[in-house]
Amino acid sequence: MKPCNCGNGLETMARGAGRRCDATARPHYEVERGRRPDPAESGAPPYRRLLNFIGWIVPTAILALIPKCPVCLAGYAVIGTSVGLSLSAFAQLRLALIGLCLVSLTFVGTKSILYVVSRIASKRHS
């Protein structure tokens, strides 16, 4: 039996060399311990880095550009889409956009914080 260095520790392979001890192939950007690195790290595919960037930029830009008053939002919507709704509908739309952006930013921020905490914890245990 030969030792297998598949990331799960030192295990032995049965039935000869050439067989992997884990049947599932891991993507090339995963590291030894089975955790997925931050998309900003160099081994991640470009689309993951782009999605991570978009996850931060789009809600931030919407929050920065959304007008304070529903009348201005209604005016921008009529100019952009030629669809007119009531002011109360635009007030609710504005609140829904703000809530959606805050939820999205909270999700992305929590994901980033959990990544940093898990990375610190893994460094302490190794």
N, C-alpha and C. Protein backbone atom coordinates (compact mmCIF):
# COMPACT_ATOMS: atom_id res chain seq x y z
N MET A 1 0.84 -1.19 0.00
CA MET A 1 0.00 0.00 0.00
C MET A 1 0.87 1.24 0.00
N LYS A 2 0.41 2.23 -0.74
CA LYS A 2 1.16 3.48 -0.82
C LYS A 2 0.42 4.57 -0.04
N PRO A 3 1.15 5.51 0.52
CA PRO A 3 0.47 6.61 1.21
C PRO A 3 -0.18 7.55 0.20
N CYS A 4 -1.30 8.11 0.61
CA CYS A 4 -2.05 9.04 -0.24
C CYS A 4 -2.04 10.41 0.42
N ASN A 5 -1.67 11.41 -0.32
CA ASN A 5 -1.66 12.77 0.20
C ASN A 5 -2.76 13.55 -0.52
N CYS A 6 -4.01 13.29 -0.13
CA CYS A 6 -5.15 13.90 -0.83
C CYS A 6 -5.73 15.09 -0.10
N GLY A 7 -5.11 15.57 0.94
CA GLY A 7 -5.64 16.72 1.66
C GLY A 7 -6.41 16.31 2.90
N ASN A 8 -6.75 15.04 3.04
CA ASN A 8 -7.47 14.58 4.23
C ASN A 8 -6.51 13.99 5.25
N GLY A 9 -5.27 14.26 5.12
CA GLY A 9 -4.27 13.67 5.99
C GLY A 9 -3.61 12.51 5.30
N LEU A 10 -2.72 11.85 5.97
CA LEU A 10 -2.02 10.73 5.40
C LEU A 10 -2.88 9.48 5.52
N GLU A 11 -3.37 8.96 4.41
CA GLU A 11 -4.18 7.76 4.40
C GLU A 11 -3.53 6.77 3.46
N THR A 12 -3.96 5.56 3.52
CA THR A 12 -3.39 4.55 2.63
C THR A 12 -4.41 4.18 1.58
N MET A 13 -3.91 3.87 0.39
CA MET A 13 -4.78 3.47 -0.71
C MET A 13 -4.75 1.96 -0.80
N ALA A 14 -5.88 1.38 -1.00
CA ALA A 14 -5.95 -0.06 -1.19
C ALA A 14 -5.96 -0.37 -2.68
N ARG A 15 -5.61 -1.56 -3.04
CA ARG A 15 -5.63 -2.06 -4.41
C ARG A 15 -4.66 -1.33 -5.33
N GLY A 16 -3.52 -1.01 -4.84
CA GLY A 16 -2.46 -0.53 -5.71
C GLY A 16 -2.38 0.97 -5.85
N ALA A 17 -1.35 1.38 -6.54
CA ALA A 17 -1.09 2.80 -6.73
C ALA A 17 -1.97 3.36 -7.83
N GLY A 18 -2.09 4.64 -7.86
CA GLY A 18 -2.83 5.31 -8.93
C GLY A 18 -4.27 5.60 -8.59
N ARG A 19 -4.80 5.01 -7.54
CA ARG A 19 -6.18 5.29 -7.15
C ARG A 19 -6.18 6.39 -6.10
N ARG A 20 -7.10 7.30 -6.25
CA ARG A 20 -7.22 8.37 -5.26
C ARG A 20 -8.09 7.90 -4.11
N CYS A 21 -7.81 8.39 -2.91
CA CYS A 21 -8.61 7.95 -1.77
C CYS A 21 -9.93 8.70 -1.67
N ASP A 22 -10.06 9.85 -2.29
CA ASP A 22 -11.37 10.50 -2.34
C ASP A 22 -11.87 10.45 -3.78
N ALA A 23 -13.10 10.05 -3.95
CA ALA A 23 -13.63 9.79 -5.29
C ALA A 23 -14.01 11.07 -6.01
N THR A 24 -14.25 12.14 -5.29
CA THR A 24 -14.66 13.38 -5.93
C THR A 24 -13.44 14.22 -6.26
N ALA A 25 -13.39 14.70 -7.47
CA ALA A 25 -12.27 15.55 -7.87
C ALA A 25 -12.55 16.96 -7.39
N ARG A 26 -11.55 17.59 -6.85
CA ARG A 26 -11.70 18.96 -6.37
C ARG A 26 -11.29 19.94 -7.46
N PRO A 27 -11.95 21.09 -7.51
CA PRO A 27 -11.52 22.12 -8.46
C PRO A 27 -10.10 22.58 -8.14
N HIS A 28 -9.45 23.16 -9.14
CA HIS A 28 -8.05 23.53 -8.98
C HIS A 28 -7.83 24.67 -8.00
N TYR A 29 -8.86 25.40 -7.63
CA TYR A 29 -8.68 26.54 -6.76
C TYR A 29 -8.95 26.21 -5.29
N GLU A 30 -9.30 24.95 -4.98
CA GLU A 30 -9.47 24.58 -3.58
C GLU A 30 -8.12 24.27 -2.96
N VAL A 31 -8.02 24.49 -1.69
CA VAL A 31 -6.77 24.24 -1.00
C VAL A 31 -6.83 22.89 -0.30
N GLU A 32 -5.76 22.51 0.36
CA GLU A 32 -5.62 21.17 0.91
C GLU A 32 -6.70 20.80 1.91
N ARG A 33 -7.14 21.68 2.74
CA ARG A 33 -8.07 21.32 3.80
C ARG A 33 -9.52 21.26 3.35
N GLY A 34 -9.78 21.49 2.08
CA GLY A 34 -11.14 21.38 1.58
C GLY A 34 -11.95 22.65 1.67
N ARG A 35 -11.38 23.73 2.16
CA ARG A 35 -12.13 24.99 2.21
C ARG A 35 -11.92 25.74 0.90
N ARG A 36 -12.88 26.51 0.54
CA ARG A 36 -12.74 27.32 -0.66
C ARG A 36 -12.12 28.64 -0.27
N PRO A 37 -11.08 29.05 -0.96
CA PRO A 37 -10.44 30.32 -0.61
C PRO A 37 -11.29 31.50 -1.03
N ASP A 38 -10.93 32.65 -0.54
CA ASP A 38 -11.60 33.88 -0.92
C ASP A 38 -11.44 34.07 -2.42
N PRO A 39 -12.50 34.48 -3.13
CA PRO A 39 -12.38 34.66 -4.58
C PRO A 39 -11.31 35.65 -4.99
N ALA A 40 -10.91 36.53 -4.07
CA ALA A 40 -9.88 37.50 -4.42
C ALA A 40 -8.49 36.86 -4.45
N GLU A 41 -8.36 35.65 -3.89
CA GLU A 41 -7.06 34.99 -3.92
C GLU A 41 -6.72 34.58 -5.34
N SER A 42 -5.46 34.39 -5.59
CA SER A 42 -4.98 34.23 -6.96
C SER A 42 -5.46 32.96 -7.65
N GLY A 43 -5.81 31.90 -6.93
CA GLY A 43 -6.17 30.66 -7.57
C GLY A 43 -7.61 30.58 -8.04
N ALA A 44 -8.46 31.52 -7.68
CA ALA A 44 -9.88 31.45 -8.02
C ALA A 44 -10.10 31.81 -9.48
N PRO A 45 -11.14 31.22 -10.07
CA PRO A 45 -11.46 31.59 -11.45
C PRO A 45 -11.86 33.06 -11.54
N PRO A 46 -11.64 33.67 -12.69
CA PRO A 46 -11.94 35.11 -12.82
C PRO A 46 -13.41 35.45 -12.60
N TYR A 47 -14.33 34.55 -12.98
CA TYR A 47 -15.74 34.88 -12.81
C TYR A 47 -16.11 34.96 -11.33
N ARG A 48 -15.45 34.21 -10.46
CA ARG A 48 -15.73 34.30 -9.02
C ARG A 48 -15.27 35.64 -8.46
N ARG A 49 -14.11 36.10 -8.91
CA ARG A 49 -13.63 37.41 -8.46
C ARG A 49 -14.56 38.51 -8.95
N LEU A 50 -15.05 38.38 -10.19
CA LEU A 50 -15.97 39.37 -10.75
C LEU A 50 -17.29 39.38 -9.97
N LEU A 51 -17.82 38.20 -9.66
CA LEU A 51 -19.08 38.13 -8.90
C LEU A 51 -18.91 38.69 -7.49
N ASN A 52 -17.77 38.46 -6.87
CA ASN A 52 -17.51 39.03 -5.55
C ASN A 52 -17.46 40.56 -5.63
N PHE A 53 -16.82 41.07 -6.65
CA PHE A 53 -16.74 42.52 -6.85
C PHE A 53 -18.12 43.12 -7.10
N ILE A 54 -18.90 42.48 -7.96
CA ILE A 54 -20.25 42.96 -8.27
C ILE A 54 -21.14 42.90 -7.03
N GLY A 55 -20.93 41.87 -6.19
CA GLY A 55 -21.72 41.75 -4.96
C GLY A 55 -21.55 42.92 -4.02
N TRP A 56 -20.41 43.57 -4.08
CA TRP A 56 -20.18 44.76 -3.27
C TRP A 56 -20.58 46.04 -3.99
N ILE A 57 -20.27 46.15 -5.27
CA ILE A 57 -20.43 47.41 -6.00
C ILE A 57 -21.89 47.75 -6.31
N VAL A 58 -22.66 46.79 -6.79
CA VAL A 58 -24.04 47.09 -7.23
C VAL A 58 -24.90 47.62 -6.09
N PRO A 59 -25.01 46.93 -4.94
CA PRO A 59 -25.85 47.50 -3.87
C PRO A 59 -25.32 48.83 -3.33
N THR A 60 -24.00 48.98 -3.29
CA THR A 60 -23.43 50.24 -2.82
C THR A 60 -23.78 51.38 -3.76
N ALA A 61 -23.67 51.13 -5.06
CA ALA A 61 -24.00 52.17 -6.05
C ALA A 61 -25.48 52.53 -6.01
N ILE A 62 -26.34 51.54 -5.84
CA ILE A 62 -27.78 51.83 -5.76
C ILE A 62 -28.08 52.68 -4.53
N LEU A 63 -27.48 52.31 -3.39
CA LEU A 63 -27.71 53.11 -2.18
C LEU A 63 -27.18 54.53 -2.33
N ALA A 64 -26.06 54.68 -3.02
CA ALA A 64 -25.48 56.01 -3.18
C ALA A 64 -26.28 56.87 -4.15
N LEU A 65 -26.89 56.25 -5.15
CA LEU A 65 -27.57 57.01 -6.20
C LEU A 65 -29.08 57.14 -6.02
N ILE A 66 -29.67 56.42 -5.10
CA ILE A 66 -31.12 56.50 -4.93
C ILE A 66 -31.50 57.86 -4.33
N PRO A 67 -32.49 58.51 -4.92
CA PRO A 67 -32.88 59.83 -4.39
C PRO A 67 -33.61 59.71 -3.04
N LYS A 68 -33.58 60.80 -2.28
CA LYS A 68 -34.20 60.79 -0.96
C LYS A 68 -35.72 60.88 -1.02
N CYS A 69 -36.23 61.59 -2.00
CA CYS A 69 -37.68 61.77 -2.03
C CYS A 69 -38.32 60.87 -3.10
N PRO A 70 -39.50 60.35 -2.82
CA PRO A 70 -40.18 59.49 -3.79
C PRO A 70 -40.59 60.22 -5.07
N VAL A 71 -40.77 61.54 -4.99
CA VAL A 71 -41.14 62.30 -6.19
C VAL A 71 -40.00 62.29 -7.20
N CYS A 72 -38.77 62.44 -6.72
CA CYS A 72 -37.62 62.39 -7.62
C CYS A 72 -37.46 61.01 -8.22
N LEU A 73 -37.67 59.98 -7.41
CA LEU A 73 -37.60 58.61 -7.91
C LEU A 73 -38.68 58.38 -8.97
N ALA A 74 -39.86 58.91 -8.74
CA ALA A 74 -40.94 58.78 -9.72
C ALA A 74 -40.56 59.49 -11.02
N GLY A 75 -39.96 60.67 -10.90
CA GLY A 75 -39.54 61.39 -12.10
C GLY A 75 -38.49 60.64 -12.89
N TYR A 76 -37.50 60.07 -12.20
CA TYR A 76 -36.46 59.29 -12.88
C TYR A 76 -37.05 58.04 -13.53
N ALA A 77 -38.00 57.39 -12.86
CA ALA A 77 -38.62 56.20 -13.41
C ALA A 77 -39.45 56.52 -14.64
N VAL A 78 -40.16 57.62 -14.62
CA VAL A 78 -40.96 58.02 -15.78
C VAL A 78 -40.05 58.37 -16.95
N ILE A 79 -38.96 59.07 -16.68
CA ILE A 79 -38.02 59.41 -17.75
C ILE A 79 -37.37 58.16 -18.33
N GLY A 80 -36.98 57.23 -17.45
CA GLY A 80 -36.26 56.04 -17.91
C GLY A 80 -37.13 54.98 -18.54
N THR A 81 -38.36 54.80 -18.03
CA THR A 81 -39.18 53.69 -18.51
C THR A 81 -40.50 54.12 -19.15
N SER A 82 -40.87 55.36 -19.04
CA SER A 82 -42.15 55.88 -19.54
C SER A 82 -43.34 55.21 -18.85
N VAL A 83 -43.12 54.72 -17.63
CA VAL A 83 -44.19 54.11 -16.86
C VAL A 83 -44.44 55.00 -15.65
N GLY A 84 -45.67 55.41 -15.49
CA GLY A 84 -46.02 56.26 -14.36
C GLY A 84 -46.86 55.49 -13.36
N LEU A 85 -46.47 55.55 -12.11
CA LEU A 85 -47.23 54.94 -11.02
C LEU A 85 -47.53 56.02 -9.98
N SER A 86 -48.27 55.67 -8.97
CA SER A 86 -48.60 56.64 -7.93
C SER A 86 -47.37 56.91 -7.07
N LEU A 87 -47.43 58.03 -6.35
CA LEU A 87 -46.31 58.38 -5.47
C LEU A 87 -46.16 57.40 -4.32
N SER A 88 -47.27 56.86 -3.84
CA SER A 88 -47.16 55.88 -2.75
C SER A 88 -46.49 54.60 -3.25
N ALA A 89 -46.73 54.22 -4.49
CA ALA A 89 -46.06 53.04 -5.06
C ALA A 89 -44.55 53.28 -5.17
N PHE A 90 -44.17 54.49 -5.57
CA PHE A 90 -42.74 54.79 -5.66
C PHE A 90 -42.10 54.91 -4.28
N ALA A 91 -42.85 55.36 -3.30
CA ALA A 91 -42.31 55.41 -1.94
C ALA A 91 -42.05 53.99 -1.43
N GLN A 92 -42.98 53.08 -1.71
CA GLN A 92 -42.77 51.69 -1.31
C GLN A 92 -41.64 51.04 -2.11
N LEU A 93 -41.53 51.39 -3.38
CA LEU A 93 -40.44 50.87 -4.20
C LEU A 93 -39.09 51.35 -3.68
N ARG A 94 -39.03 52.59 -3.26
CA ARG A 94 -37.79 53.15 -2.71
C ARG A 94 -37.39 52.43 -1.43
N LEU A 95 -38.35 52.21 -0.54
CA LEU A 95 -38.06 51.47 0.70
C LEU A 95 -37.65 50.03 0.41
N ALA A 96 -38.29 49.41 -0.57
CA ALA A 96 -37.93 48.03 -0.93
C ALA A 96 -36.52 47.97 -1.50
N LEU A 97 -36.14 48.93 -2.33
CA LEU A 97 -34.79 48.97 -2.88
C LEU A 97 -33.75 49.16 -1.77
N ILE A 98 -34.02 50.04 -0.84
CA ILE A 98 -33.10 50.28 0.26
C ILE A 98 -32.96 49.02 1.11
N GLY A 99 -34.08 48.37 1.42
CA GLY A 99 -34.03 47.14 2.20
C GLY A 99 -33.29 46.03 1.49
N LEU A 100 -33.53 45.87 0.20
CA LEU A 100 -32.85 44.84 -0.58
C LEU A 100 -31.34 45.08 -0.63
N CYS A 101 -30.95 46.33 -0.80
CA CYS A 101 -29.53 46.66 -0.83
C CYS A 101 -28.87 46.40 0.53
N LEU A 102 -29.55 46.75 1.61
CA LEU A 102 -28.99 46.52 2.94
C LEU A 102 -28.86 45.02 3.24
N VAL A 103 -29.85 44.24 2.84
CA VAL A 103 -29.78 42.79 3.05
C VAL A 103 -28.63 42.20 2.24
N SER A 104 -28.49 42.65 1.00
CA SER A 104 -27.41 42.16 0.15
C SER A 104 -26.04 42.50 0.71
N LEU A 105 -25.86 43.74 1.16
CA LEU A 105 -24.58 44.14 1.74
C LEU A 105 -24.30 43.41 3.06
N THR A 106 -25.33 43.16 3.84
CA THR A 106 -25.16 42.39 5.08
C THR A 106 -24.71 40.97 4.77
N PHE A 107 -25.31 40.36 3.77
CA PHE A 107 -24.93 39.00 3.38
C PHE A 107 -23.48 38.94 2.91
N VAL A 108 -23.09 39.85 2.03
CA VAL A 108 -21.72 39.85 1.51
C VAL A 108 -20.72 40.16 2.62
N GLY A 109 -21.06 41.10 3.49
CA GLY A 109 -20.17 41.43 4.59
C GLY A 109 -20.03 40.30 5.59
N THR A 110 -21.12 39.62 5.91
CA THR A 110 -21.06 38.49 6.82
C THR A 110 -20.23 37.36 6.24
N LYS A 111 -20.39 37.13 4.94
CA LYS A 111 -19.60 36.10 4.27
C LYS A 111 -18.11 36.42 4.34
N SER A 112 -17.77 37.67 4.15
CA SER A 112 -16.36 38.07 4.21
C SER A 112 -15.82 37.96 5.63
N ILE A 113 -16.60 38.36 6.62
CA ILE A 113 -16.16 38.27 8.01
C ILE A 113 -15.98 36.81 8.42
N LEU A 114 -16.91 35.94 8.03
CA LEU A 114 -16.77 34.52 8.35
C LEU A 114 -15.54 33.92 7.70
N TYR A 115 -15.22 34.36 6.49
CA TYR A 115 -14.01 33.87 5.82
C TYR A 115 -12.77 34.26 6.61
N VAL A 116 -12.71 35.51 7.06
CA VAL A 116 -11.54 35.98 7.80
C VAL A 116 -11.43 35.24 9.14
N VAL A 117 -12.55 35.04 9.82
CA VAL A 117 -12.53 34.34 11.10
C VAL A 117 -12.09 32.89 10.92
N SER A 118 -12.59 32.22 9.88
CA SER A 118 -12.20 30.83 9.65
C SER A 118 -10.73 30.73 9.26
N ARG A 119 -10.23 31.71 8.54
CA ARG A 119 -8.81 31.71 8.17
C ARG A 119 -7.92 31.91 9.39
N ILE A 120 -8.32 32.80 10.30
CA ILE A 120 -7.56 33.01 11.52
C ILE A 120 -7.60 31.75 12.38
N ALA A 121 -8.78 31.12 12.48
CA ALA A 121 -8.89 29.91 13.28
C ALA A 121 -8.06 28.78 12.69
N SER A 122 -8.02 28.65 11.38
CA SER A 122 -7.23 27.58 10.77
C SER A 122 -5.74 27.81 10.97
N LYS A 123 -5.31 29.07 11.01
CA LYS A 123 -3.90 29.36 11.26
C LYS A 123 -3.52 29.04 12.70
N ARG A 124 -4.45 29.23 13.63
CA ARG A 124 -4.18 28.93 15.03
C ARG A 124 -4.05 27.43 15.27
N HIS A 125 -4.85 26.64 14.54
CA HIS A 125 -4.84 25.20 14.76
C HIS A 125 -3.75 24.48 13.99
N SER A 126 -3.10 25.16 13.09
CA SER A 126 -2.06 24.47 12.32
C SER A 126 -0.67 24.72 12.86
